[in-house]
Amino acid sequence: MNDLTQVNDFYAQMLEAQQRAAERRVETRAALLAELCALGVTSIKVHYEGYGASGNV
C-alpha cells in the first residue's frame, strides 16, 4: 500500500466517522426534543462558558 492510498483511506474513514456523528446528533436532538415536549418544557436558557473549543455548557 502506498502513502497516497493510506492518506485516502484515512480521509475516507474520517469522513465516515463525521457522517455517523452527525447522524447521531440529529437522532439525539430529536429524542431530547420529544422528551422535553412531553414534560411540557417550552424554553431553555443555555450559558456557554469558555473560549473557542475549550468551553462548557
PDB file of N, CA and C in Angstrom:
ATOM      1  N   MET A   1       0.853  -1.169   0.000  1.00  0.00           N
ATOM      2  CA  MET A   1       0.000   0.000   0.000  1.00  0.00           C
ATOM      3  C   MET A   1       0.900   1.233   0.000  1.00  0.00           C
ATOM      4  N   ASN A   2       0.647   2.162  -0.896  1.00  0.00           N
ATOM      5  CA  ASN A   2       1.496   3.349  -0.947  1.00  0.00           C
ATOM      6  C   ASN A   2       0.952   4.454  -0.047  1.00  0.00           C
ATOM      7  N   ASP A   3       1.737   5.497   0.119  1.00  0.00           N
ATOM      8  CA  ASP A   3       1.376   6.580   1.030  1.00  0.00           C
ATOM      9  C   ASP A   3       0.075   7.259   0.629  1.00  0.00           C
ATOM     10  N   LEU A   4      -0.125   7.461  -0.664  1.00  0.00           N
ATOM     11  CA  LEU A   4      -1.337   8.135  -1.133  1.00  0.00           C
ATOM     12  C   LEU A   4      -2.581   7.304  -0.823  1.00  0.00           C
ATOM     13  N   THR A   5      -2.490   6.008  -0.972  1.00  0.00           N
ATOM     14  CA  THR A   5      -3.615   5.130  -0.641  1.00  0.00           C
ATOM     15  C   THR A   5      -3.917   5.202   0.851  1.00  0.00           C
ATOM     16  N   GLN A   6      -2.889   5.225   1.679  1.00  0.00           N
ATOM     17  CA  GLN A   6      -3.090   5.320   3.120  1.00  0.00           C
ATOM     18  C   GLN A   6      -3.750   6.645   3.492  1.00  0.00           C
ATOM     19  N   VAL A   7      -3.331   7.723   2.856  1.00  0.00           N
ATOM     20  CA  VAL A   7      -3.935   9.033   3.123  1.00  0.00           C
ATOM     21  C   VAL A   7      -5.398   9.026   2.699  1.00  0.00           C
ATOM     22  N   ASN A   8      -5.688   8.494   1.530  1.00  0.00           N
ATOM     23  CA  ASN A   8      -7.070   8.432   1.047  1.00  0.00           C
ATOM     24  C   ASN A   8      -7.931   7.578   1.971  1.00  0.00           C
ATOM     25  N   ASP A   9      -7.394   6.456   2.443  1.00  0.00           N
ATOM     26  CA  ASP A   9      -8.131   5.601   3.371  1.00  0.00           C
ATOM     27  C   ASP A   9      -8.406   6.337   4.676  1.00  0.00           C
ATOM     28  N   PHE A  10      -7.412   7.070   5.170  1.00  0.00           N
ATOM     29  CA  PHE A  10      -7.583   7.837   6.404  1.00  0.00           C
ATOM     30  C   PHE A  10      -8.701   8.856   6.237  1.00  0.00           C
ATOM     31  N   TYR A  11      -8.681   9.616   5.158  1.00  0.00           N
ATOM     32  CA  TYR A  11      -9.705  10.638   4.947  1.00  0.00           C
ATOM     33  C   TYR A  11     -11.085  10.020   4.745  1.00  0.00           C
ATOM     34  N   ALA A  12     -11.160   8.896   4.075  1.00  0.00           N
ATOM     35  CA  ALA A  12     -12.445   8.219   3.891  1.00  0.00           C
ATOM     36  C   ALA A  12     -13.001   7.773   5.239  1.00  0.00           C
ATOM     37  N   GLN A  13     -12.150   7.221   6.080  1.00  0.00           N
ATOM     38  CA  GLN A  13     -12.585   6.798   7.419  1.00  0.00           C
ATOM     39  C   GLN A  13     -13.003   8.003   8.257  1.00  0.00           C
ATOM     40  N   MET A  14     -12.261   9.093   8.145  1.00  0.00           N
ATOM     41  CA  MET A  14     -12.581  10.299   8.893  1.00  0.00           C
ATOM     42  C   MET A  14     -13.939  10.851   8.455  1.00  0.00           C
ATOM     43  N   LEU A  15     -14.188  10.889   7.162  1.00  0.00           N
ATOM     44  CA  LEU A  15     -15.463  11.388   6.655  1.00  0.00           C
ATOM     45  C   LEU A  15     -16.630  10.500   7.083  1.00  0.00           C
ATOM     46  N   GLU A  16     -16.420   9.201   7.070  1.00  0.00           N
ATOM     47  CA  GLU A  16     -17.462   8.275   7.526  1.00  0.00           C
ATOM     48  C   GLU A  16     -17.768   8.486   9.004  1.00  0.00           C
ATOM     49  N   ALA A  17     -16.741   8.673   9.814  1.00  0.00           N
ATOM     50  CA  ALA A  17     -16.932   8.902  11.248  1.00  0.00           C
ATOM     51  C   ALA A  17     -17.673  10.222  11.482  1.00  0.00           C
ATOM     52  N   GLN A  18     -17.336  11.248  10.726  1.00  0.00           N
ATOM     53  CA  GLN A  18     -18.021  12.530  10.857  1.00  0.00           C
ATOM     54  C   GLN A  18     -19.489  12.403  10.463  1.00  0.00           C
ATOM     55  N   GLN A  19     -19.779  11.642   9.422  1.00  0.00           N
ATOM     56  CA  GLN A  19     -21.160  11.447   8.981  1.00  0.00           C
ATOM     57  C   GLN A  19     -21.966  10.692  10.037  1.00  0.00           C
ATOM     58  N   ARG A  20     -21.375   9.648  10.611  1.00  0.00           N
ATOM     59  CA  ARG A  20     -22.060   8.900  11.671  1.00  0.00           C
ATOM     60  C   ARG A  20     -22.326   9.790  12.887  1.00  0.00           C
ATOM     61  N   ALA A  21     -21.358  10.624  13.244  1.00  0.00           N
ATOM     62  CA  ALA A  21     -21.531  11.534  14.378  1.00  0.00           C
ATOM     63  C   ALA A  21     -22.652  12.530  14.095  1.00  0.00           C
ATOM     64  N   ALA A  22     -22.719  13.040  12.884  1.00  0.00           N
ATOM     65  CA  ALA A  22     -23.781  13.985  12.520  1.00  0.00           C
ATOM     66  C   ALA A  22     -25.147  13.306  12.591  1.00  0.00           C
ATOM     67  N   GLU A  23     -25.239  12.079  12.132  1.00  0.00           N
ATOM     68  CA  GLU A  23     -26.498  11.333  12.199  1.00  0.00           C
ATOM     69  C   GLU A  23     -26.919  11.099  13.645  1.00  0.00           C
ATOM     70  N   ARG A  24     -25.962  10.769  14.500  1.00  0.00           N
ATOM     71  CA  ARG A  24     -26.269  10.560  15.923  1.00  0.00           C
ATOM     72  C   ARG A  24     -26.749  11.854  16.578  1.00  0.00           C
ATOM     73  N   ARG A  25     -26.144  12.989  16.192  1.00  0.00           N
ATOM     74  CA  ARG A  25     -26.589  14.276  16.752  1.00  0.00           C
ATOM     75  C   ARG A  25     -28.036  14.559  16.376  1.00  0.00           C
ATOM     76  N   VAL A  26     -28.411  14.287  15.146  1.00  0.00           N
ATOM     77  CA  VAL A  26     -29.790  14.502  14.701  1.00  0.00           C
ATOM     78  C   VAL A  26     -30.739  13.616  15.502  1.00  0.00           C
ATOM     79  N   GLU A  27     -30.388  12.357  15.665  1.00  0.00           N
ATOM     80  CA  GLU A  27     -31.221  11.427  16.426  1.00  0.00           C
ATOM     81  C   GLU A  27     -31.331  11.845  17.893  1.00  0.00           C
ATOM     82  N   THR A  28     -30.218  12.240  18.476  1.00  0.00           N
ATOM     83  CA  THR A  28     -30.202  12.645  19.882  1.00  0.00           C
ATOM     84  C   THR A  28     -31.045  13.898  20.091  1.00  0.00           C
ATOM     85  N   ARG A  29     -30.904  14.867  19.206  1.00  0.00           N
ATOM     86  CA  ARG A  29     -31.689  16.102  19.329  1.00  0.00           C
ATOM     87  C   ARG A  29     -33.182  15.817  19.202  1.00  0.00           C
ATOM     88  N   ALA A  30     -33.546  14.952  18.284  1.00  0.00           N
ATOM     89  CA  ALA A  30     -34.956  14.617  18.107  1.00  0.00           C
ATOM     90  C   ALA A  30     -35.508  13.941  19.358  1.00  0.00           C
ATOM     91  N   ALA A  31     -34.751  13.021  19.926  1.00  0.00           N
ATOM     92  CA  ALA A  31     -35.197  12.328  21.140  1.00  0.00           C
ATOM     93  C   ALA A  31     -35.295  13.304  22.307  1.00  0.00           C
ATOM     94  N   LEU A  32     -34.319  14.189  22.439  1.00  0.00           N
ATOM     95  CA  LEU A  32     -34.332  15.173  23.519  1.00  0.00           C
ATOM     96  C   LEU A  32     -35.523  16.116  23.370  1.00  0.00           C
ATOM     97  N   LEU A  33     -35.780  16.586  22.166  1.00  0.00           N
ATOM     98  CA  LEU A  33     -36.916  17.466  21.921  1.00  0.00           C
ATOM     99  C   LEU A  33     -38.230  16.780  22.280  1.00  0.00           C
ATOM    100  N   ALA A  34     -38.374  15.531  21.893  1.00  0.00           N
ATOM    101  CA  ALA A  34     -39.598  14.786  22.209  1.00  0.00           C
ATOM    102  C   ALA A  34     -39.776  14.664  23.723  1.00  0.00           C
ATOM    103  N   GLU A  35     -38.696  14.360  24.435  1.00  0.00           N
ATOM    104  CA  GLU A  35     -38.774  14.235  25.894  1.00  0.00           C
ATOM    105  C   GLU A  35     -39.122  15.569  26.550  1.00  0.00           C
ATOM    106  N   LEU A  36     -38.487  16.633  26.095  1.00  0.00           N
ATOM    107  CA  LEU A  36     -38.765  17.948  26.666  1.00  0.00           C
ATOM    108  C   LEU A  36     -40.210  18.378  26.396  1.00  0.00           C
ATOM    109  N   CYS A  37     -40.685  18.138  25.205  1.00  0.00           N
ATOM    110  CA  CYS A  37     -42.076  18.469  24.869  1.00  0.00           C
ATOM    111  C   CYS A  37     -43.043  17.660  25.729  1.00  0.00           C
ATOM    112  N   ALA A  38     -42.743  16.397  25.932  1.00  0.00           N
ATOM    113  CA  ALA A  38     -43.604  15.544  26.757  1.00  0.00           C
ATOM    114  C   ALA A  38     -43.662  16.044  28.199  1.00  0.00           C
ATOM    115  N   LEU A  39     -42.591  16.680  28.647  1.00  0.00           N
ATOM    116  CA  LEU A  39     -42.545  17.226  30.000  1.00  0.00           C
ATOM    117  C   LEU A  39     -43.162  18.623  30.089  1.00  0.00           C
ATOM    118  N   GLY A  40     -43.544  19.176  28.940  1.00  0.00           N
ATOM    119  CA  GLY A  40     -44.149  20.499  28.912  1.00  0.00           C
ATOM    120  C   GLY A  40     -43.147  21.642  28.887  1.00  0.00           C
ATOM    121  N   VAL A  41     -41.899  21.358  28.630  1.00  0.00           N
ATOM    122  CA  VAL A  41     -40.874  22.396  28.570  1.00  0.00           C
ATOM    123  C   VAL A  41     -41.096  23.230  27.312  1.00  0.00           C
ATOM    124  N   THR A  42     -41.121  24.551  27.499  1.00  0.00           N
ATOM    125  CA  THR A  42     -41.345  25.443  26.355  1.00  0.00           C
ATOM    126  C   THR A  42     -40.133  26.303  26.028  1.00  0.00           C
ATOM    127  N   SER A  43     -39.182  26.408  26.947  1.00  0.00           N
ATOM    128  CA  SER A  43     -37.966  27.169  26.650  1.00  0.00           C
ATOM    129  C   SER A  43     -36.829  26.679  27.532  1.00  0.00           C
ATOM    130  N   ILE A  44     -35.630  26.925  27.045  1.00  0.00           N
ATOM    131  CA  ILE A  44     -34.419  26.543  27.764  1.00  0.00           C
ATOM    132  C   ILE A  44     -33.420  27.680  27.592  1.00  0.00           C
ATOM    133  N   LYS A  45     -32.750  28.043  28.662  1.00  0.00           N
ATOM    134  CA  LYS A  45     -31.700  29.053  28.605  1.00  0.00           C
ATOM    135  C   LYS A  45     -30.375  28.351  28.829  1.00  0.00           C
ATOM    136  N   VAL A  46     -29.426  28.554  27.921  1.00  0.00           N
ATOM    137  CA  VAL A  46     -28.123  27.901  27.981  1.00  0.00           C
ATOM    138  C   VAL A  46     -27.048  28.974  28.053  1.00  0.00           C
ATOM    139  N   HIS A  47     -26.065  28.749  28.908  1.00  0.00           N
ATOM    140  CA  HIS A  47     -24.944  29.671  29.045  1.00  0.00           C
ATOM    141  C   HIS A  47     -23.676  28.928  28.648  1.00  0.00           C
ATOM    142  N   TYR A  48     -22.930  29.507  27.738  1.00  0.00           N
ATOM    143  CA  TYR A  48     -21.645  28.934  27.319  1.00  0.00           C
ATOM    144  C   TYR A  48     -20.538  29.664  28.047  1.00  0.00           C
ATOM    145  N   GLU A  49     -19.649  28.908  28.657  1.00  0.00           N
ATOM    146  CA  GLU A  49     -18.527  29.500  29.374  1.00  0.00           C
ATOM    147  C   GLU A  49     -17.241  28.953  28.792  1.00  0.00           C
ATOM    148  N   GLY A  50     -16.375  29.826  28.391  1.00  0.00           N
ATOM    149  CA  GLY A  50     -15.105  29.392  27.838  1.00  0.00           C
ATOM    150  C   GLY A  50     -14.781  30.167  26.582  1.00  0.00           C
ATOM    151  N   TYR A  51     -13.828  29.647  25.841  1.00  0.00           N
ATOM    152  CA  TYR A  51     -13.374  30.305  24.631  1.00  0.00           C
ATOM    153  C   TYR A  51     -13.095  29.246  23.566  1.00  0.00           C
ATOM    154  N   GLY A  52     -13.642  29.443  22.382  1.00  0.00           N
ATOM    155  CA  GLY A  52     -13.401  28.508  21.289  1.00  0.00           C
ATOM    156  C   GLY A  52     -13.910  27.120  21.624  1.00  0.00           C
ATOM    157  N   ALA A  53     -13.078  26.125  21.429  1.00  0.00           N
ATOM    158  CA  ALA A  53     -13.457  24.742  21.688  1.00  0.00           C
ATOM    159  C   ALA A  53     -13.199  24.354  23.146  1.00  0.00           C
ATOM    160  N   SER A  54     -12.689  25.288  23.940  1.00  0.00           N
ATOM    161  CA  SER A  54     -12.353  24.982  25.330  1.00  0.00           C
ATOM    162  C   SER A  54     -13.393  25.562  26.270  1.00  0.00           C
ATOM    163  N   GLY A  55     -14.622  25.173  26.074  1.00  0.00           N
ATOM    164  CA  GLY A  55     -15.673  25.701  26.918  1.00  0.00           C
ATOM    165  C   GLY A  55     -16.616  24.609  27.359  1.00  0.00           C
ATOM    166  N   ASN A  56     -17.677  25.031  28.014  1.00  0.00           N
ATOM    167  CA  ASN A  56     -18.642  24.088  28.536  1.00  0.00           C
ATOM    168  C   ASN A  56     -19.998  24.748  28.573  1.00  0.00           C
ATOM    169  N   VAL A  57     -21.028  23.958  28.428  1.00  0.00           N
ATOM    170  CA  VAL A  57     -22.397  24.449  28.523  1.00  0.00           C
ATOM    171  C   VAL A  57     -22.947  24.027  29.859  1.00  0.00           C
TER     172      VAL A  57
END
